[in-house]
């Protein structure tokens, strides 16, 4: 990833990721609507979800705005940014910076199917062709 701007470090728990996925899906949502989803799916109290949203806002991951008495939240980071950050941390910490070791682990532990390996090869081919042409990755 040489030549890219320094990436922001974003690490989220499984529950924080679930909340972010709901916001990515909706674009913007009031606390009550997000809380209703997690009440139904996980039995979480409104206050628990409100606390999660407040903490995500303090970390700069979501933005908050008031519409009358309602707090609305929207993501300030994309799912791709979060994925890049979390995978980079995983590779750095668990695989000592060796992404090939991560790939070898996934293949060796049968974490990926042959169909997924074929799809990854296809993506790698596209990336290599773009690199050869001097284009940036997507």
N, C-alpha and C. Protein backbone atom coordinates (compact mmCIF):
# COMPACT_ATOMS: atom_id res chain seq x y z
N UNK A 1 0.82 -1.19 0.00
CA UNK A 1 0.00 0.00 0.00
C UNK A 1 0.86 1.25 0.00
N UNK A 2 2.00 1.15 -0.61
CA UNK A 2 2.91 2.29 -0.66
C UNK A 2 2.27 3.43 -1.44
N UNK A 3 2.56 4.63 -1.02
CA UNK A 3 2.07 5.80 -1.71
C UNK A 3 0.68 6.25 -1.27
N UNK A 4 0.06 5.53 -0.41
CA UNK A 4 -1.27 5.92 0.06
C UNK A 4 -1.15 6.77 1.31
N UNK A 5 -2.13 7.60 1.53
CA UNK A 5 -2.16 8.42 2.74
C UNK A 5 -2.30 7.51 3.95
N UNK A 6 -1.81 7.98 5.07
CA UNK A 6 -1.91 7.20 6.31
C UNK A 6 -3.38 6.95 6.63
N UNK A 7 -3.67 5.69 6.88
CA UNK A 7 -5.05 5.30 7.17
C UNK A 7 -5.37 5.55 8.64
N UNK A 8 -6.59 5.92 8.86
CA UNK A 8 -7.09 6.10 10.22
C UNK A 8 -7.29 4.72 10.85
N UNK A 9 -6.89 4.57 12.10
CA UNK A 9 -7.03 3.30 12.80
C UNK A 9 -8.43 3.22 13.40
N UNK A 10 -9.20 2.24 12.92
CA UNK A 10 -10.57 2.05 13.39
C UNK A 10 -10.73 0.59 13.78
N UNK A 11 -10.96 0.35 15.05
CA UNK A 11 -11.20 -1.01 15.54
C UNK A 11 -12.56 -1.01 16.22
N UNK A 12 -13.43 -1.92 15.79
CA UNK A 12 -14.77 -1.98 16.35
C UNK A 12 -15.07 -3.38 16.86
N UNK A 13 -15.86 -3.44 17.91
CA UNK A 13 -16.33 -4.73 18.43
C UNK A 13 -17.39 -5.28 17.48
N UNK A 14 -17.77 -6.51 17.70
CA UNK A 14 -18.82 -7.13 16.88
C UNK A 14 -20.13 -6.35 16.98
N UNK A 15 -20.49 -5.91 18.17
CA UNK A 15 -21.72 -5.16 18.36
C UNK A 15 -21.63 -3.77 17.70
N UNK A 16 -20.49 -3.12 17.84
CA UNK A 16 -20.30 -1.82 17.19
C UNK A 16 -20.39 -1.97 15.67
N UNK A 17 -19.81 -3.04 15.14
CA UNK A 17 -19.91 -3.30 13.70
C UNK A 17 -21.37 -3.50 13.28
N UNK A 18 -22.12 -4.22 14.08
CA UNK A 18 -23.54 -4.45 13.76
C UNK A 18 -24.30 -3.12 13.72
N UNK A 19 -24.02 -2.23 14.66
CA UNK A 19 -24.65 -0.91 14.67
C UNK A 19 -24.24 -0.13 13.43
N UNK A 20 -22.95 -0.16 13.10
CA UNK A 20 -22.47 0.54 11.92
C UNK A 20 -23.12 -0.02 10.65
N UNK A 21 -23.26 -1.33 10.57
CA UNK A 21 -23.90 -1.92 9.39
C UNK A 21 -25.33 -1.42 9.23
N UNK A 22 -26.02 -1.25 10.34
CA UNK A 22 -27.38 -0.72 10.29
C UNK A 22 -27.37 0.72 9.79
N UNK A 23 -26.41 1.51 10.25
CA UNK A 23 -26.31 2.90 9.78
C UNK A 23 -25.87 2.96 8.31
N UNK A 24 -24.94 2.10 7.91
CA UNK A 24 -24.54 2.08 6.49
C UNK A 24 -25.74 1.72 5.62
N UNK A 25 -26.55 0.79 6.09
CA UNK A 25 -27.73 0.37 5.33
C UNK A 25 -28.75 1.51 5.21
N UNK A 26 -28.95 2.25 6.30
CA UNK A 26 -29.97 3.31 6.33
C UNK A 26 -29.45 4.66 5.85
N UNK A 27 -28.17 4.91 6.01
CA UNK A 27 -27.62 6.23 5.70
C UNK A 27 -27.66 7.15 6.90
N UNK A 28 -28.83 7.31 7.47
CA UNK A 28 -29.02 8.10 8.69
C UNK A 28 -30.25 7.55 9.40
N UNK A 29 -30.18 7.53 10.72
CA UNK A 29 -31.32 6.98 11.47
C UNK A 29 -31.37 7.56 12.87
N UNK A 30 -32.58 7.71 13.40
CA UNK A 30 -32.72 8.15 14.79
C UNK A 30 -32.37 7.01 15.75
N UNK A 31 -31.97 7.37 16.93
CA UNK A 31 -31.61 6.40 17.95
C UNK A 31 -32.72 5.37 18.13
N UNK A 32 -33.96 5.82 18.19
CA UNK A 32 -35.09 4.92 18.45
C UNK A 32 -35.20 3.82 17.39
N UNK A 33 -34.96 4.16 16.12
CA UNK A 33 -35.07 3.15 15.06
C UNK A 33 -33.94 2.13 15.15
N UNK A 34 -32.73 2.60 15.42
CA UNK A 34 -31.60 1.68 15.57
C UNK A 34 -31.83 0.80 16.79
N UNK A 35 -32.29 1.41 17.88
CA UNK A 35 -32.55 0.65 19.11
C UNK A 35 -33.63 -0.40 18.88
N UNK A 36 -34.65 -0.08 18.10
CA UNK A 36 -35.73 -1.04 17.83
C UNK A 36 -35.20 -2.28 17.10
N UNK A 37 -34.26 -2.08 16.19
CA UNK A 37 -33.66 -3.21 15.46
C UNK A 37 -32.94 -4.13 16.43
N UNK A 38 -32.15 -3.54 17.33
CA UNK A 38 -31.35 -4.35 18.24
C UNK A 38 -32.16 -4.90 19.42
N UNK A 39 -33.27 -4.27 19.71
CA UNK A 39 -34.20 -4.85 20.70
C UNK A 39 -34.78 -6.13 20.12
N UNK A 40 -35.20 -6.06 18.85
CA UNK A 40 -35.82 -7.22 18.21
C UNK A 40 -34.81 -8.34 17.95
N UNK A 41 -33.62 -7.97 17.48
CA UNK A 41 -32.61 -8.97 17.11
C UNK A 41 -31.86 -9.56 18.29
N UNK A 42 -31.56 -8.72 19.29
CA UNK A 42 -30.66 -9.14 20.36
C UNK A 42 -31.19 -8.90 21.77
N UNK A 43 -32.35 -8.29 21.86
CA UNK A 43 -32.91 -8.01 23.17
C UNK A 43 -32.20 -6.90 23.91
N UNK A 44 -31.53 -6.00 23.18
CA UNK A 44 -30.81 -4.90 23.83
C UNK A 44 -31.75 -3.77 24.20
N UNK A 45 -31.49 -3.16 25.33
CA UNK A 45 -32.27 -2.01 25.78
C UNK A 45 -31.94 -0.78 24.94
N UNK A 46 -32.91 0.11 24.84
CA UNK A 46 -32.72 1.39 24.13
C UNK A 46 -31.49 2.12 24.67
N UNK A 47 -31.33 2.14 25.98
CA UNK A 47 -30.21 2.86 26.59
C UNK A 47 -28.85 2.27 26.18
N UNK A 48 -28.79 0.97 26.00
CA UNK A 48 -27.55 0.31 25.58
C UNK A 48 -27.17 0.78 24.18
N UNK A 49 -28.14 0.79 23.27
CA UNK A 49 -27.88 1.22 21.90
C UNK A 49 -27.54 2.72 21.87
N UNK A 50 -28.24 3.52 22.66
CA UNK A 50 -27.95 4.95 22.73
C UNK A 50 -26.52 5.18 23.22
N UNK A 51 -26.08 4.41 24.20
CA UNK A 51 -24.71 4.52 24.70
C UNK A 51 -23.70 4.13 23.62
N UNK A 52 -23.99 3.06 22.88
CA UNK A 52 -23.10 2.65 21.78
C UNK A 52 -22.97 3.76 20.75
N UNK A 53 -24.09 4.35 20.37
CA UNK A 53 -24.06 5.43 19.38
C UNK A 53 -23.29 6.64 19.89
N UNK A 54 -23.50 6.99 21.15
CA UNK A 54 -22.77 8.12 21.75
C UNK A 54 -21.27 7.87 21.74
N UNK A 55 -20.86 6.67 22.11
CA UNK A 55 -19.43 6.34 22.11
C UNK A 55 -18.84 6.34 20.70
N UNK A 56 -19.60 5.84 19.73
CA UNK A 56 -19.13 5.87 18.35
C UNK A 56 -19.00 7.31 17.85
N UNK A 57 -19.90 8.16 18.30
CA UNK A 57 -19.83 9.58 17.93
C UNK A 57 -18.60 10.24 18.54
N UNK A 58 -18.30 9.94 19.80
CA UNK A 58 -17.12 10.51 20.46
C UNK A 58 -15.83 10.07 19.78
N UNK A 59 -15.83 8.88 19.21
CA UNK A 59 -14.66 8.36 18.49
C UNK A 59 -14.57 8.90 17.07
N UNK A 60 -15.60 9.62 16.63
CA UNK A 60 -15.59 10.20 15.29
C UNK A 60 -16.00 9.24 14.20
N UNK A 61 -16.59 8.11 14.56
CA UNK A 61 -16.99 7.10 13.59
C UNK A 61 -18.38 7.41 13.03
N UNK A 62 -19.21 8.02 13.85
CA UNK A 62 -20.53 8.47 13.39
C UNK A 62 -20.68 9.95 13.72
N UNK A 63 -21.57 10.59 13.00
CA UNK A 63 -21.91 11.99 13.26
C UNK A 63 -23.32 12.01 13.84
N UNK A 64 -23.54 12.99 14.69
CA UNK A 64 -24.83 13.13 15.36
C UNK A 64 -25.39 14.50 15.02
N UNK A 65 -26.70 14.55 14.80
CA UNK A 65 -27.36 15.85 14.64
C UNK A 65 -28.72 15.75 15.31
N UNK A 66 -29.19 16.89 15.74
CA UNK A 66 -30.48 16.94 16.43
C UNK A 66 -31.54 17.48 15.47
N UNK A 67 -32.68 16.81 15.47
CA UNK A 67 -33.84 17.27 14.72
C UNK A 67 -34.97 17.36 15.73
N UNK A 68 -35.17 18.56 16.27
CA UNK A 68 -36.11 18.73 17.38
C UNK A 68 -35.57 18.01 18.60
N UNK A 69 -36.32 17.06 19.09
CA UNK A 69 -35.88 16.29 20.27
C UNK A 69 -35.22 14.96 19.87
N UNK A 70 -35.13 14.72 18.58
CA UNK A 70 -34.61 13.45 18.08
C UNK A 70 -33.14 13.57 17.70
N UNK A 71 -32.34 12.60 18.14
CA UNK A 71 -30.94 12.52 17.71
C UNK A 71 -30.86 11.58 16.52
N UNK A 72 -30.24 12.08 15.46
CA UNK A 72 -30.03 11.28 14.26
C UNK A 72 -28.54 11.00 14.12
N UNK A 73 -28.23 9.79 13.69
CA UNK A 73 -26.83 9.37 13.52
C UNK A 73 -26.61 8.94 12.09
N UNK A 74 -25.42 9.25 11.58
CA UNK A 74 -25.01 8.79 10.26
C UNK A 74 -23.54 8.41 10.31
N UNK A 75 -23.13 7.48 9.48
CA UNK A 75 -21.73 7.06 9.49
C UNK A 75 -20.80 8.16 8.97
N UNK A 76 -19.63 8.27 9.57
CA UNK A 76 -18.59 9.20 9.10
C UNK A 76 -17.47 8.44 8.42
N UNK A 77 -17.51 7.13 8.49
CA UNK A 77 -16.52 6.28 7.83
C UNK A 77 -17.26 5.23 7.02
N UNK A 78 -16.62 4.78 5.96
CA UNK A 78 -17.25 3.77 5.11
C UNK A 78 -16.93 2.37 5.63
N UNK A 79 -17.71 1.43 5.16
CA UNK A 79 -17.45 0.04 5.53
C UNK A 79 -16.07 -0.39 5.03
N UNK A 80 -15.69 0.06 3.85
CA UNK A 80 -14.36 -0.27 3.31
C UNK A 80 -13.24 0.28 4.19
N UNK A 81 -13.40 1.50 4.70
CA UNK A 81 -12.38 2.07 5.59
C UNK A 81 -12.22 1.23 6.85
N UNK A 82 -13.34 0.82 7.42
CA UNK A 82 -13.31 0.01 8.64
C UNK A 82 -12.68 -1.35 8.34
N UNK A 83 -13.09 -1.95 7.24
CA UNK A 83 -12.54 -3.26 6.86
C UNK A 83 -11.03 -3.17 6.67
N UNK A 84 -10.58 -2.16 5.93
CA UNK A 84 -9.13 -1.99 5.70
C UNK A 84 -8.38 -1.85 7.01
N UNK A 85 -8.89 -1.02 7.90
CA UNK A 85 -8.23 -0.78 9.16
C UNK A 85 -8.16 -2.04 10.02
N UNK A 86 -9.29 -2.72 10.11
CA UNK A 86 -9.34 -3.90 10.98
C UNK A 86 -8.51 -5.06 10.42
N UNK A 87 -8.51 -5.23 9.10
CA UNK A 87 -7.69 -6.28 8.50
C UNK A 87 -6.21 -5.93 8.64
N UNK A 88 -5.87 -4.67 8.47
CA UNK A 88 -4.46 -4.24 8.64
C UNK A 88 -3.98 -4.54 10.06
N UNK A 89 -4.83 -4.25 11.04
CA UNK A 89 -4.47 -4.55 12.43
C UNK A 89 -4.32 -6.05 12.67
N UNK A 90 -5.23 -6.82 12.09
CA UNK A 90 -5.16 -8.28 12.22
C UNK A 90 -3.85 -8.80 11.63
N UNK A 91 -3.53 -8.36 10.43
CA UNK A 91 -2.29 -8.81 9.78
C UNK A 91 -1.08 -8.37 10.60
N UNK A 92 -1.08 -7.12 11.04
CA UNK A 92 0.06 -6.60 11.80
C UNK A 92 0.25 -7.35 13.12
N UNK A 93 -0.83 -7.56 13.84
CA UNK A 93 -0.72 -8.14 15.18
C UNK A 93 -0.65 -9.66 15.20
N UNK A 94 -1.45 -10.31 14.41
CA UNK A 94 -1.53 -11.77 14.48
C UNK A 94 -0.57 -12.46 13.52
N UNK A 95 -0.29 -11.80 12.39
CA UNK A 95 0.56 -12.42 11.36
C UNK A 95 1.86 -11.65 11.14
N UNK A 96 2.20 -10.77 12.11
CA UNK A 96 3.46 -10.00 12.08
C UNK A 96 3.69 -9.27 10.75
N UNK A 97 2.60 -8.75 10.20
CA UNK A 97 2.68 -7.96 8.98
C UNK A 97 2.73 -8.77 7.69
N UNK A 98 2.61 -10.07 7.78
CA UNK A 98 2.73 -10.95 6.61
C UNK A 98 1.34 -11.33 6.10
N UNK A 99 0.84 -10.58 5.09
CA UNK A 99 -0.49 -10.87 4.58
C UNK A 99 -0.56 -12.22 3.88
N UNK A 100 0.56 -12.66 3.32
CA UNK A 100 0.58 -13.99 2.70
C UNK A 100 0.32 -15.07 3.74
N UNK A 101 0.79 -14.86 4.97
CA UNK A 101 0.54 -15.82 6.04
C UNK A 101 -0.95 -15.88 6.37
N UNK A 102 -1.64 -14.74 6.31
CA UNK A 102 -3.08 -14.73 6.51
C UNK A 102 -3.77 -15.55 5.43
N UNK A 103 -3.39 -15.32 4.17
CA UNK A 103 -3.98 -16.07 3.07
C UNK A 103 -3.72 -17.57 3.23
N UNK A 104 -2.48 -17.92 3.56
CA UNK A 104 -2.12 -19.33 3.75
C UNK A 104 -2.95 -19.94 4.87
N UNK A 105 -3.16 -19.18 5.93
CA UNK A 105 -3.97 -19.66 7.06
C UNK A 105 -5.40 -19.94 6.61
N UNK A 106 -5.99 -19.00 5.89
CA UNK A 106 -7.37 -19.15 5.45
C UNK A 106 -7.54 -20.37 4.55
N UNK A 107 -6.61 -20.54 3.63
CA UNK A 107 -6.68 -21.68 2.72
C UNK A 107 -6.39 -22.98 3.47
N UNK A 108 -5.37 -22.96 4.32
CA UNK A 108 -4.97 -24.16 5.05
C UNK A 108 -6.00 -24.63 6.06
N UNK A 109 -6.78 -23.73 6.60
CA UNK A 109 -7.79 -24.08 7.60
C UNK A 109 -9.17 -24.29 6.98
N UNK A 110 -9.21 -24.36 5.66
CA UNK A 110 -10.48 -24.54 4.94
C UNK A 110 -11.50 -23.46 5.28
N UNK A 111 -10.99 -22.24 5.50
CA UNK A 111 -11.86 -21.11 5.80
C UNK A 111 -12.46 -20.53 4.52
N UNK A 112 -11.88 -20.90 3.37
CA UNK A 112 -12.40 -20.42 2.09
C UNK A 112 -12.68 -21.63 1.20
N UNK A 113 -13.71 -21.49 0.41
CA UNK A 113 -14.10 -22.56 -0.50
C UNK A 113 -13.32 -22.42 -1.81
N UNK A 114 -13.25 -23.47 -2.61
CA UNK A 114 -12.60 -23.36 -3.92
C UNK A 114 -13.21 -22.24 -4.78
N UNK A 115 -14.51 -22.05 -4.67
CA UNK A 115 -15.17 -20.97 -5.43
C UNK A 115 -14.67 -19.61 -4.97
N UNK A 116 -14.48 -19.44 -3.65
CA UNK A 116 -13.96 -18.18 -3.12
C UNK A 116 -12.51 -17.96 -3.54
N UNK A 117 -11.73 -19.04 -3.61
CA UNK A 117 -10.34 -18.94 -4.07
C UNK A 117 -10.32 -18.48 -5.53
N UNK A 118 -11.19 -19.03 -6.35
CA UNK A 118 -11.27 -18.63 -7.76
C UNK A 118 -11.66 -17.16 -7.88
N UNK A 119 -12.60 -16.71 -7.06
CA UNK A 119 -13.01 -15.30 -7.09
C UNK A 119 -11.86 -14.41 -6.66
N UNK A 120 -11.10 -14.83 -5.65
CA UNK A 120 -9.94 -14.06 -5.19
C UNK A 120 -8.88 -13.98 -6.27
N UNK A 121 -8.64 -15.10 -6.97
CA UNK A 121 -7.66 -15.10 -8.07
C UNK A 121 -8.07 -14.10 -9.14
N UNK A 122 -9.36 -14.08 -9.44
CA UNK A 122 -9.87 -13.15 -10.45
C UNK A 122 -9.63 -11.70 -10.02
N UNK A 123 -9.92 -11.41 -8.74
CA UNK A 123 -9.69 -10.05 -8.23
C UNK A 123 -8.21 -9.69 -8.26
N UNK A 124 -7.37 -10.65 -7.91
CA UNK A 124 -5.93 -10.40 -7.94
C UNK A 124 -5.46 -10.12 -9.36
N UNK A 125 -6.02 -10.83 -10.33
CA UNK A 125 -5.68 -10.60 -11.74
C UNK A 125 -6.05 -9.19 -12.17
N UNK A 126 -7.22 -8.74 -11.77
CA UNK A 126 -7.66 -7.38 -12.10
C UNK A 126 -6.72 -6.36 -11.45
N UNK A 127 -6.40 -6.58 -10.17
CA UNK A 127 -5.50 -5.67 -9.46
C UNK A 127 -4.12 -5.63 -10.11
N UNK A 128 -3.61 -6.78 -10.53
CA UNK A 128 -2.30 -6.83 -11.17
C UNK A 128 -2.31 -6.10 -12.51
N UNK A 129 -3.39 -6.25 -13.27
CA UNK A 129 -3.49 -5.55 -14.56
C UNK A 129 -3.56 -4.04 -14.34
N UNK A 130 -4.31 -3.61 -13.33
CA UNK A 130 -4.39 -2.17 -13.03
C UNK A 130 -3.03 -1.65 -12.59
N UNK A 131 -2.34 -2.42 -11.75
CA UNK A 131 -1.02 -2.02 -11.28
C UNK A 131 -0.05 -1.89 -12.44
N UNK A 132 -0.13 -2.82 -13.38
CA UNK A 132 0.76 -2.79 -14.53
C UNK A 132 0.50 -1.56 -15.40
N UNK A 133 -0.76 -1.10 -15.42
CA UNK A 133 -1.13 0.08 -16.18
C UNK A 133 -0.90 1.38 -15.42
N UNK A 134 -0.57 1.24 -14.11
CA UNK A 134 -0.35 2.43 -13.28
C UNK A 134 -1.62 3.04 -12.75
N UNK A 135 -2.72 2.29 -12.76
CA UNK A 135 -4.00 2.80 -12.22
C UNK A 135 -4.05 2.54 -10.73
N UNK A 136 -4.84 3.35 -10.03
CA UNK A 136 -5.03 3.12 -8.60
C UNK A 136 -6.04 2.00 -8.42
N UNK A 137 -5.95 1.35 -7.24
CA UNK A 137 -6.91 0.28 -6.97
C UNK A 137 -8.23 0.87 -6.56
N UNK A 138 -9.28 0.06 -6.71
CA UNK A 138 -10.65 0.52 -6.42
C UNK A 138 -11.06 0.07 -5.07
